Amino acid sequence: MIRNILTLLAVSAAGPVFAEQLYETKLFGSYVIGHKVDEGNDEVVFRPCPTYKLEDRPFDAKIEESKASNCPKTKRGTPAGFSVAPDSGTVDDIRQRGWINCAVSAGAPGFSDLSPTGEWQGMNADICRAVAAVILDDPSAVKFVPKTAKTRFTALASGEVDIMIPASPNEFGRATINGLEFVGPYFLTGQSFLVPRDLGVASATELDGATVCLSSPTDEFAFAEYFKTKGISYEPILRDGSDDALSYYSAGGCDVLTADTTALAITRSTLPDPGQHMILPETLTKEQIGPYVRDGDPVWADIIRFTVHALITAEELGITRANVDTILAGTDNAAIASLLGSQNNVGQKLGLDPGWASRAISATGNYGEIYARNVGEGTALNLERGMNALWSNGGLVYSPPMR
């Protein structure tokens, strides 16, 4: 909820009359200066300026300066060319602080774990770096905060972190209870089966009579229905959590281990001989992995959402980490020009400058590069693209038009 608490009239150098307005963002307690500009044809647009706390500036001096330059200067370190839209308190706090606090799952190879040199790596880490490049022009301006499944929702809800990206699928109920928003998926997964290759099966339809290890009673819902429709018998073996289920499976206590594909791939990578185990091709459920933010700051949520969209669109258009600067220098492709900001600034409504998407791509590569580097074939997780291939390549991944 925002309310106007000051209106001044002035005439810009270009001629149209505008009203300079000071807004108070009640949720975050920060202030936004901007202009409502009459562009003719009964169209009025609001042009925001960088946000700052009222006590951070000499009020009258800033207003006079605004009359001359359209937007007041800020002391808060906002990079030149940036502007922040109303109700973006999280972005304002991040820019004042100078880094993003990003909660990730610890020890999740391919998604968020430490490299041998102590650097955070994985798809989740790359998404946080891409967002940092967008709003801070620095992909290294991220503080990674490892959290467990029990502590990550509380850490985000309390304000300890700005964004949380778990390595497990969307937990709608827990997010809703904690007043959080699921921004949207960047990785698609679903429940499947891990089996030893020497079991001699290539499909879940060949698992008749198998013993199936599961870490939770809810794991049985999907495959029980699947087996019933296929006329397949099985023996469930419920263990005390995922670690216990893995230990029992690796010791030969059961024929099959079931979980979502992502968890199975991570599990397989920890086994003594990962190549001797395979994930069966059947996916029994549809699940999503993606970032969470606190509810109530739609600008921050949209910046993260459209950063992911930009990385996906870059893959569709053939823009890579290696060629983005060359393409940016000159292209006659309207879609590319729009994404990279040389034709339109699609991020303007979010307070972003024209180069926001090109910085994200330069920082991490496009979506396909991120996938291949962290979880693709030849990595420890060795996952095919599958559902996570572009829609044009038979997958389910696509972005809305970036224009």
Protein backbone atom coordinates (compact mmCIF):
# COMPACT_ATOMS: atom_id res chain seq x y z
CA MET A 1 0.00 0.00 0.00
CA ILE A 2 1.46 3.38 -1.00
CA ARG A 3 0.08 6.86 -0.46
CA ASN A 4 0.97 10.26 -1.86
CA ILE A 5 2.22 12.61 0.84
CA LEU A 6 3.60 15.44 -1.31
CA THR A 7 2.80 16.85 -4.75
CA LEU A 8 4.67 19.66 -6.49
CA LEU A 9 4.01 21.00 -10.00
CA ALA A 10 6.83 21.86 -12.37
CA VAL A 11 7.57 22.17 -16.07
CA SER A 12 10.19 19.94 -17.63
CA ALA A 13 12.63 21.08 -20.28
CA ALA A 14 10.74 19.04 -22.85
CA GLY A 15 7.54 20.95 -22.15
CA PRO A 16 4.92 18.61 -20.61
CA VAL A 17 3.61 19.33 -17.14
CA PHE A 18 4.39 16.68 -14.54
CA ALA A 19 3.61 16.26 -10.88
CA GLU A 20 6.50 15.29 -8.65
CA GLN A 21 5.22 13.00 -5.93
CA LEU A 22 6.70 11.58 -2.76
CA TYR A 23 5.33 8.15 -1.91
CA GLU A 24 5.54 6.32 1.37
CA THR A 25 5.78 2.55 1.07
CA LYS A 26 3.98 1.47 4.22
CA LEU A 27 5.19 -2.14 4.15
CA PHE A 28 8.89 -1.33 4.03
CA GLY A 29 8.97 2.24 5.39
CA SER A 30 11.02 3.62 2.49
CA TYR A 31 10.27 6.56 0.21
CA VAL A 32 10.13 6.82 -3.56
CA ILE A 33 10.36 9.99 -5.63
CA GLY A 34 8.90 9.81 -9.10
CA HIS A 35 7.07 11.76 -11.79
CA LYS A 36 3.61 11.30 -13.20
CA VAL A 37 4.09 12.49 -16.76
CA ASP A 38 1.25 13.42 -19.11
CA GLU A 39 2.37 12.04 -22.45
CA GLY A 40 -0.76 13.15 -24.31
CA ASN A 41 -3.65 11.06 -25.60
CA ASP A 42 -4.85 10.85 -21.99
CA GLU A 43 -1.88 8.60 -21.15
CA VAL A 44 -0.13 9.26 -17.86
CA VAL A 45 2.91 7.23 -16.82
CA PHE A 46 4.81 7.11 -13.52
CA ARG A 47 8.57 7.39 -13.84
CA PRO A 48 10.26 6.28 -10.62
CA CYS A 49 13.57 7.52 -9.28
CA PRO A 50 15.96 5.62 -6.94
CA THR A 51 14.50 5.06 -3.50
CA TYR A 52 16.02 6.30 -0.27
CA LYS A 53 15.04 6.88 3.33
CA LEU A 54 13.67 10.37 4.06
CA GLU A 55 16.22 10.92 6.81
CA ASP A 56 19.05 10.16 4.37
CA ARG A 57 18.62 13.44 2.46
CA PRO A 58 18.16 17.17 2.97
CA PHE A 59 14.55 17.25 1.81
CA ASP A 60 14.21 20.75 0.31
CA ALA A 61 17.57 20.62 -1.46
CA LYS A 62 16.69 17.33 -3.13
CA ILE A 63 13.36 18.68 -4.36
CA GLU A 64 15.06 21.70 -5.94
CA GLU A 65 17.64 19.42 -7.56
CA SER A 66 14.84 17.24 -8.87
CA LYS A 67 13.26 20.17 -10.69
CA ALA A 68 16.47 20.63 -12.66
CA SER A 69 17.34 17.00 -13.37
CA ASN A 70 13.97 15.20 -13.27
CA CYS A 71 15.24 12.77 -10.60
CA PRO A 72 17.10 13.56 -7.37
CA LYS A 73 20.50 12.02 -6.80
CA THR A 74 20.77 9.39 -4.10
CA LYS A 75 23.44 8.73 -1.47
CA ARG A 76 22.67 5.02 -1.31
CA GLY A 77 25.04 3.74 -3.96
CA THR A 78 22.50 2.96 -6.67
CA PRO A 79 24.48 2.33 -9.89
CA ALA A 80 24.14 5.02 -12.56
CA GLY A 81 21.29 4.35 -14.96
CA PHE A 82 19.24 2.35 -12.51
CA SER A 83 15.86 3.26 -11.09
CA VAL A 84 13.76 1.37 -8.57
CA ALA A 85 10.02 0.94 -9.00
CA PRO A 86 7.64 1.57 -6.08
CA ASP A 87 7.21 -1.19 -3.48
CA SER A 88 10.66 -2.70 -4.03
CA GLY A 89 11.94 -2.49 -0.48
CA THR A 90 14.00 -5.66 -0.77
CA VAL A 91 15.89 -4.33 -3.79
CA ASP A 92 16.50 -1.06 -1.99
CA ASP A 93 17.88 -2.89 1.06
CA ILE A 94 20.12 -5.09 -1.13
CA ARG A 95 21.58 -2.11 -2.97
CA GLN A 96 22.24 -0.27 0.27
CA ARG A 97 23.87 -3.39 1.76
CA GLY A 98 25.80 -4.26 -1.40
CA TRP A 99 25.04 -7.97 -1.66
CA ILE A 100 22.22 -10.54 -1.81
CA ASN A 101 21.69 -12.99 1.05
CA CYS A 102 20.80 -16.25 -0.71
CA ALA A 103 19.67 -19.34 1.23
CA VAL A 104 20.59 -22.65 -0.39
CA SER A 105 20.60 -26.31 0.54
CA ALA A 106 23.99 -27.49 1.73
CA GLY A 107 25.62 -30.52 0.13
CA ALA A 108 23.35 -30.76 -2.91
CA PRO A 109 25.69 -31.55 -5.83
CA GLY A 110 24.63 -29.90 -9.06
CA PHE A 111 22.42 -27.41 -7.25
CA SER A 112 24.29 -25.96 -4.27
CA ASP A 113 27.47 -27.32 -2.80
CA LEU A 114 31.04 -26.23 -2.22
CA SER A 115 33.73 -26.75 -4.85
CA PRO A 116 37.16 -28.10 -3.86
CA THR A 117 38.31 -24.46 -3.64
CA GLY A 118 35.48 -23.52 -1.29
CA GLU A 119 33.31 -21.68 -3.84
CA TRP A 120 29.57 -22.27 -3.98
CA GLN A 121 28.54 -23.96 -7.23
CA GLY A 122 25.42 -25.42 -8.83
CA MET A 123 22.25 -24.28 -10.59
CA ASN A 124 20.80 -22.60 -7.51
CA ALA A 125 24.05 -20.73 -6.88
CA ASP A 126 24.10 -19.59 -10.52
CA ILE A 127 20.56 -18.21 -10.32
CA CYS A 128 21.54 -16.10 -7.31
CA ARG A 129 24.63 -14.84 -9.14
CA ALA A 130 22.58 -13.94 -12.21
CA VAL A 131 20.19 -11.89 -10.07
CA ALA A 132 23.14 -10.15 -8.40
CA ALA A 133 24.48 -9.24 -11.83
CA VAL A 134 21.08 -7.79 -12.74
CA ILE A 135 20.61 -5.47 -9.76
CA LEU A 136 24.17 -4.92 -8.51
CA ASP A 137 26.22 -5.37 -11.70
CA ASP A 138 28.33 -7.87 -9.77
CA PRO A 139 27.64 -11.63 -9.89
CA SER A 140 29.99 -12.18 -6.96
CA ALA A 141 27.91 -9.93 -4.68
CA VAL A 142 26.13 -12.89 -3.08
CA LYS A 143 26.39 -14.22 0.45
CA PHE A 144 25.34 -17.86 0.38
CA VAL A 145 23.61 -19.01 3.55
CA PRO A 146 23.31 -22.82 3.86
CA LYS A 147 20.03 -23.92 5.42
CA THR A 148 18.32 -27.21 6.17
CA ALA A 149 14.77 -28.16 5.23
CA LYS A 150 13.71 -27.24 8.77
CA THR A 151 15.32 -23.79 8.86
CA ARG A 152 15.14 -22.37 5.34
CA PHE A 153 11.52 -21.16 5.41
CA THR A 154 12.00 -19.43 8.76
CA ALA A 155 15.22 -17.79 7.56
CA LEU A 156 13.41 -16.22 4.61
CA ALA A 157 10.27 -15.25 6.51
CA SER A 158 12.32 -13.54 9.24
CA GLY A 159 14.31 -11.45 6.76
CA GLU A 160 17.62 -13.20 7.43
CA VAL A 161 17.87 -13.90 3.69
CA ASP A 162 16.43 -12.20 0.60
CA ILE A 163 15.85 -15.27 -1.54
CA MET A 164 15.72 -18.99 -0.86
CA ILE A 165 16.32 -21.68 -3.48
CA PRO A 166 16.07 -25.24 -2.12
CA ALA A 167 17.24 -28.31 -3.99
CA SER A 168 13.88 -29.98 -3.37
CA PRO A 169 10.53 -29.46 -5.12
CA ASN A 170 8.02 -26.71 -4.35
CA GLU A 171 6.40 -27.15 -0.94
CA PHE A 172 3.21 -25.15 -1.45
CA GLY A 173 1.76 -25.68 2.01
CA ARG A 174 4.88 -24.64 3.94
CA ALA A 175 5.42 -21.57 1.77
CA THR A 176 1.82 -20.42 2.24
CA ILE A 177 1.91 -20.89 6.00
CA ASN A 178 5.12 -18.87 6.29
CA GLY A 179 3.86 -15.97 4.15
CA LEU A 180 6.20 -16.72 1.26
CA GLU A 181 5.82 -16.67 -2.51
CA PHE A 182 7.05 -19.32 -4.92
CA VAL A 183 8.46 -17.20 -7.75
CA GLY A 184 8.19 -19.95 -10.35
CA PRO A 185 10.03 -23.02 -11.59
CA TYR A 186 13.38 -23.05 -13.28
CA PHE A 187 13.80 -26.83 -13.00
CA LEU A 188 11.20 -29.56 -13.52
CA THR A 189 11.36 -32.94 -11.85
CA GLY A 190 9.12 -35.76 -10.62
CA GLN A 191 9.14 -39.04 -8.74
CA SER A 192 11.00 -41.94 -10.31
CA PHE A 193 13.08 -45.02 -9.40
CA LEU A 194 16.78 -45.72 -8.91
CA VAL A 195 17.90 -49.30 -9.55
CA PRO A 196 21.20 -51.21 -9.78
CA ARG A 197 22.06 -51.96 -13.39
CA ASP A 198 22.63 -55.59 -12.49
CA LEU A 199 18.93 -55.84 -11.58
CA GLY A 200 18.46 -56.14 -15.33
CA VAL A 201 15.48 -53.83 -15.79
CA ALA A 202 15.11 -50.86 -18.12
CA SER A 203 11.59 -49.74 -17.18
CA ALA A 204 9.34 -49.48 -14.14
CA THR A 205 6.98 -51.88 -15.89
CA GLU A 206 9.56 -54.62 -15.20
CA LEU A 207 9.57 -54.16 -11.40
CA ASP A 208 6.97 -56.84 -10.59
CA GLY A 209 7.77 -58.36 -7.20
CA ALA A 210 10.46 -55.77 -6.35
CA THR A 211 11.19 -54.42 -2.89
CA VAL A 212 10.97 -50.61 -2.86
CA CYS A 213 12.73 -48.43 -0.29
CA LEU A 214 10.99 -45.18 0.63
CA SER A 215 11.87 -42.47 3.14
CA SER A 216 8.32 -41.25 3.80
CA PRO A 217 4.82 -42.77 3.58
CA THR A 218 3.87 -40.05 1.07
CA ASP A 219 6.46 -41.47 -1.35
CA GLU A 220 4.21 -44.48 -1.85
CA PHE A 221 1.13 -42.60 -3.12
CA ALA A 222 2.30 -42.04 -6.68
CA PHE A 223 3.99 -45.36 -7.42
CA ALA A 224 1.29 -47.41 -5.65
CA GLU A 225 -1.31 -46.06 -8.06
CA TYR A 226 1.04 -46.55 -11.00
CA PHE A 227 1.80 -50.16 -10.06
CA LYS A 228 -1.89 -50.86 -9.49
CA THR A 229 -2.83 -49.68 -13.00
CA LYS A 230 -0.01 -51.82 -14.46
CA GLY A 231 -0.87 -54.91 -12.39
CA ILE A 232 2.56 -54.89 -10.73
CA SER A 233 3.11 -56.30 -7.24
CA TYR A 234 5.73 -54.83 -4.89
CA GLU A 235 6.86 -54.79 -1.26
CA PRO A 236 7.31 -51.34 0.31
CA ILE A 237 10.10 -50.90 2.85
CA LEU A 238 9.69 -47.70 4.86
CA ARG A 239 12.93 -46.35 6.31
CA ASP A 240 13.63 -43.54 8.76
CA GLY A 241 14.36 -40.65 6.40
CA SER A 242 16.27 -40.29 3.15
CA ASP A 243 19.72 -41.09 4.57
CA ASP A 244 18.48 -44.33 6.09
CA ALA A 245 16.67 -45.28 2.88
CA LEU A 246 19.85 -44.67 0.88
CA SER A 247 21.99 -46.71 3.27
CA TYR A 248 19.55 -49.60 3.14
CA TYR A 249 19.41 -49.47 -0.67
CA SER A 250 23.19 -49.25 -1.10
CA ALA A 251 23.61 -52.23 1.24
CA GLY A 252 21.30 -54.29 -0.97
CA GLY A 253 18.38 -54.24 1.45
CA CYS A 254 15.92 -53.34 -1.32
CA ASP A 255 15.81 -53.57 -5.10
CA VAL A 256 14.60 -50.05 -5.79
CA LEU A 257 14.88 -46.59 -4.23
CA THR A 258 12.14 -44.05 -5.01
CA ALA A 259 12.22 -40.23 -4.72
CA ASP A 260 12.07 -37.28 -7.08
CA THR A 261 14.52 -37.50 -9.98
CA THR A 262 16.69 -34.70 -8.63
CA ALA A 263 17.13 -36.39 -5.26
CA LEU A 264 17.86 -39.70 -6.97
CA ALA A 265 20.53 -38.11 -9.16
CA ILE A 266 22.17 -36.50 -6.11
CA THR A 267 21.94 -39.82 -4.27
CA ARG A 268 23.47 -41.73 -7.18
CA SER A 269 26.42 -39.30 -7.28
CA THR A 270 27.30 -40.21 -3.67
CA LEU A 271 27.39 -43.98 -4.22
CA PRO A 272 30.78 -45.76 -4.52
CA ASP A 273 30.16 -46.60 -8.20
CA PRO A 274 27.48 -44.26 -9.59
CA GLY A 275 27.73 -45.75 -13.07
CA GLN A 276 26.34 -49.04 -11.78
CA HIS A 277 23.00 -47.44 -10.95
CA MET A 278 20.38 -45.97 -13.28
CA ILE A 279 17.28 -43.82 -12.99
CA LEU A 280 14.37 -45.44 -14.81
CA PRO A 281 12.72 -43.35 -17.55
CA GLU A 282 9.23 -43.19 -16.02
CA THR A 283 8.33 -39.97 -14.19
CA LEU A 284 5.24 -40.49 -12.05
CA THR A 285 4.60 -36.96 -10.77
CA LYS A 286 5.12 -33.35 -11.83
CA GLU A 287 7.19 -31.26 -9.44
CA GLN A 288 9.00 -27.91 -9.62
CA ILE A 289 12.17 -26.42 -8.16
CA GLY A 290 12.54 -22.66 -8.00
CA PRO A 291 13.16 -19.60 -5.84
CA TYR A 292 11.05 -18.31 -2.95
CA VAL A 293 10.75 -14.75 -1.66
CA ARG A 294 8.72 -13.08 1.05
CA ASP A 295 5.20 -12.26 -0.06
CA GLY A 296 4.40 -8.57 -0.44
CA ASP A 297 7.26 -7.33 -2.65
CA PRO A 298 6.11 -8.03 -6.23
CA VAL A 299 8.92 -6.03 -7.84
CA TRP A 300 11.61 -8.21 -6.22
CA ALA A 301 9.72 -11.37 -7.17
CA ASP A 302 9.36 -10.16 -10.77
CA ILE A 303 13.06 -9.29 -11.07
CA ILE A 304 13.98 -12.86 -10.11
CA ARG A 305 11.24 -14.30 -12.33
CA PHE A 306 12.31 -12.33 -15.39
CA THR A 307 15.98 -13.03 -14.79
CA VAL A 308 15.16 -16.73 -15.20
CA HIS A 309 13.00 -15.93 -18.24
CA ALA A 310 15.88 -13.99 -19.77
CA LEU A 311 18.28 -16.92 -19.36
CA ILE A 312 15.79 -19.26 -21.03
CA THR A 313 15.11 -16.79 -23.86
CA ALA A 314 18.86 -16.42 -24.39
CA GLU A 315 19.15 -20.16 -25.04
CA GLU A 316 16.23 -20.01 -27.48
CA LEU A 317 17.92 -17.16 -29.37
CA GLY A 318 21.41 -18.69 -29.35
CA ILE A 319 22.88 -16.05 -27.05
CA THR A 320 25.67 -17.48 -24.92
CA ARG A 321 28.16 -16.30 -22.34
CA ALA A 322 30.81 -16.26 -25.06
CA ASN A 323 28.93 -14.29 -27.72
CA VAL A 324 26.62 -11.94 -25.79
CA ASP A 325 28.98 -8.97 -26.05
CA THR A 326 29.49 -9.49 -29.79
CA ILE A 327 25.75 -9.80 -30.40
CA LEU A 328 25.06 -6.78 -28.23
CA ALA A 329 27.35 -4.70 -30.43
CA GLY A 330 24.93 -5.00 -33.32
CA THR A 331 21.99 -7.19 -34.36
CA ASP A 332 19.04 -6.84 -36.73
CA ASN A 333 17.04 -9.50 -34.84
CA ALA A 334 14.23 -7.67 -33.05
CA ALA A 335 13.82 -10.33 -30.34
CA ILE A 336 17.54 -10.24 -29.52
CA ALA A 337 17.63 -6.44 -29.56
CA SER A 338 14.66 -6.31 -27.19
CA LEU A 339 16.15 -8.82 -24.74
CA LEU A 340 19.58 -7.17 -24.67
CA GLY A 341 18.15 -3.66 -24.41
CA SER A 342 19.48 -2.16 -27.63
CA GLN A 343 15.94 -1.68 -28.95
CA ASN A 344 13.58 -1.63 -25.96
CA ASN A 345 14.13 -1.75 -22.22
CA VAL A 346 11.77 -4.54 -21.22
CA GLY A 347 12.92 -4.24 -17.61
CA GLN A 348 12.03 -0.57 -17.24
CA LYS A 349 8.78 -1.30 -15.42
CA LEU A 350 10.86 -3.12 -12.80
CA GLY A 351 13.29 -0.22 -12.44
CA LEU A 352 16.04 -1.97 -14.43
CA ASP A 353 18.40 -0.40 -16.93
CA PRO A 354 18.67 -1.68 -20.53
CA GLY A 355 21.70 -3.90 -19.85
CA TRP A 356 20.15 -6.04 -17.11
CA ALA A 357 19.64 -9.21 -19.18
CA SER A 358 23.02 -9.07 -20.92
CA ARG A 359 24.70 -8.88 -17.49
CA ALA A 360 22.86 -12.00 -16.31
CA ILE A 361 23.89 -13.93 -19.42
CA SER A 362 27.51 -12.74 -19.15
CA ALA A 363 27.62 -13.84 -15.52
CA THR A 364 26.32 -17.41 -15.84
CA GLY A 365 25.61 -18.25 -19.46
CA ASN A 366 22.14 -19.05 -20.76
CA TYR A 367 19.82 -21.64 -19.22
CA GLY A 368 21.25 -24.47 -21.32
CA GLU A 369 24.80 -23.58 -20.31
CA ILE A 370 23.83 -23.50 -16.64
CA TYR A 371 22.12 -26.88 -16.95
CA ALA A 372 24.97 -28.54 -18.85
CA ARG A 373 27.67 -27.22 -16.53
CA ASN A 374 25.98 -28.29 -13.29
CA VAL A 375 23.69 -31.28 -13.82
CA GLY A 376 23.93 -32.30 -17.48
CA GLU A 377 25.41 -35.36 -19.11
CA GLY A 378 29.02 -35.85 -18.11
CA THR A 379 28.58 -34.18 -14.71
CA ALA A 380 28.24 -36.04 -11.41
CA LEU A 381 24.44 -35.99 -11.73
CA ASN A 382 24.53 -36.96 -15.42
CA LEU A 383 20.94 -35.89 -16.17
CA GLU A 384 19.51 -35.72 -19.65
CA ARG A 385 17.55 -32.56 -20.43
CA GLY A 386 14.22 -34.45 -20.57
CA MET A 387 11.42 -32.19 -19.32
CA ASN A 388 13.98 -29.42 -18.89
CA ALA A 389 14.70 -29.19 -22.61
CA LEU A 390 13.35 -26.18 -24.45
CA TRP A 391 9.80 -26.55 -25.72
CA SER A 392 11.20 -26.40 -29.24
CA ASN A 393 13.32 -29.48 -28.48
CA GLY A 394 10.55 -31.60 -26.99
CA GLY A 395 10.78 -30.34 -23.40
CA LEU A 396 8.54 -28.20 -21.21
CA VAL A 397 10.80 -25.18 -20.67
CA TYR A 398 9.83 -21.88 -22.26
CA SER A 399 9.70 -18.19 -21.49
CA PRO A 400 7.01 -15.60 -22.24
CA PRO A 401 7.93 -13.14 -25.00
CA MET A 402 10.54 -10.65 -23.74
CA ARG A 403 9.26 -7.48 -25.34
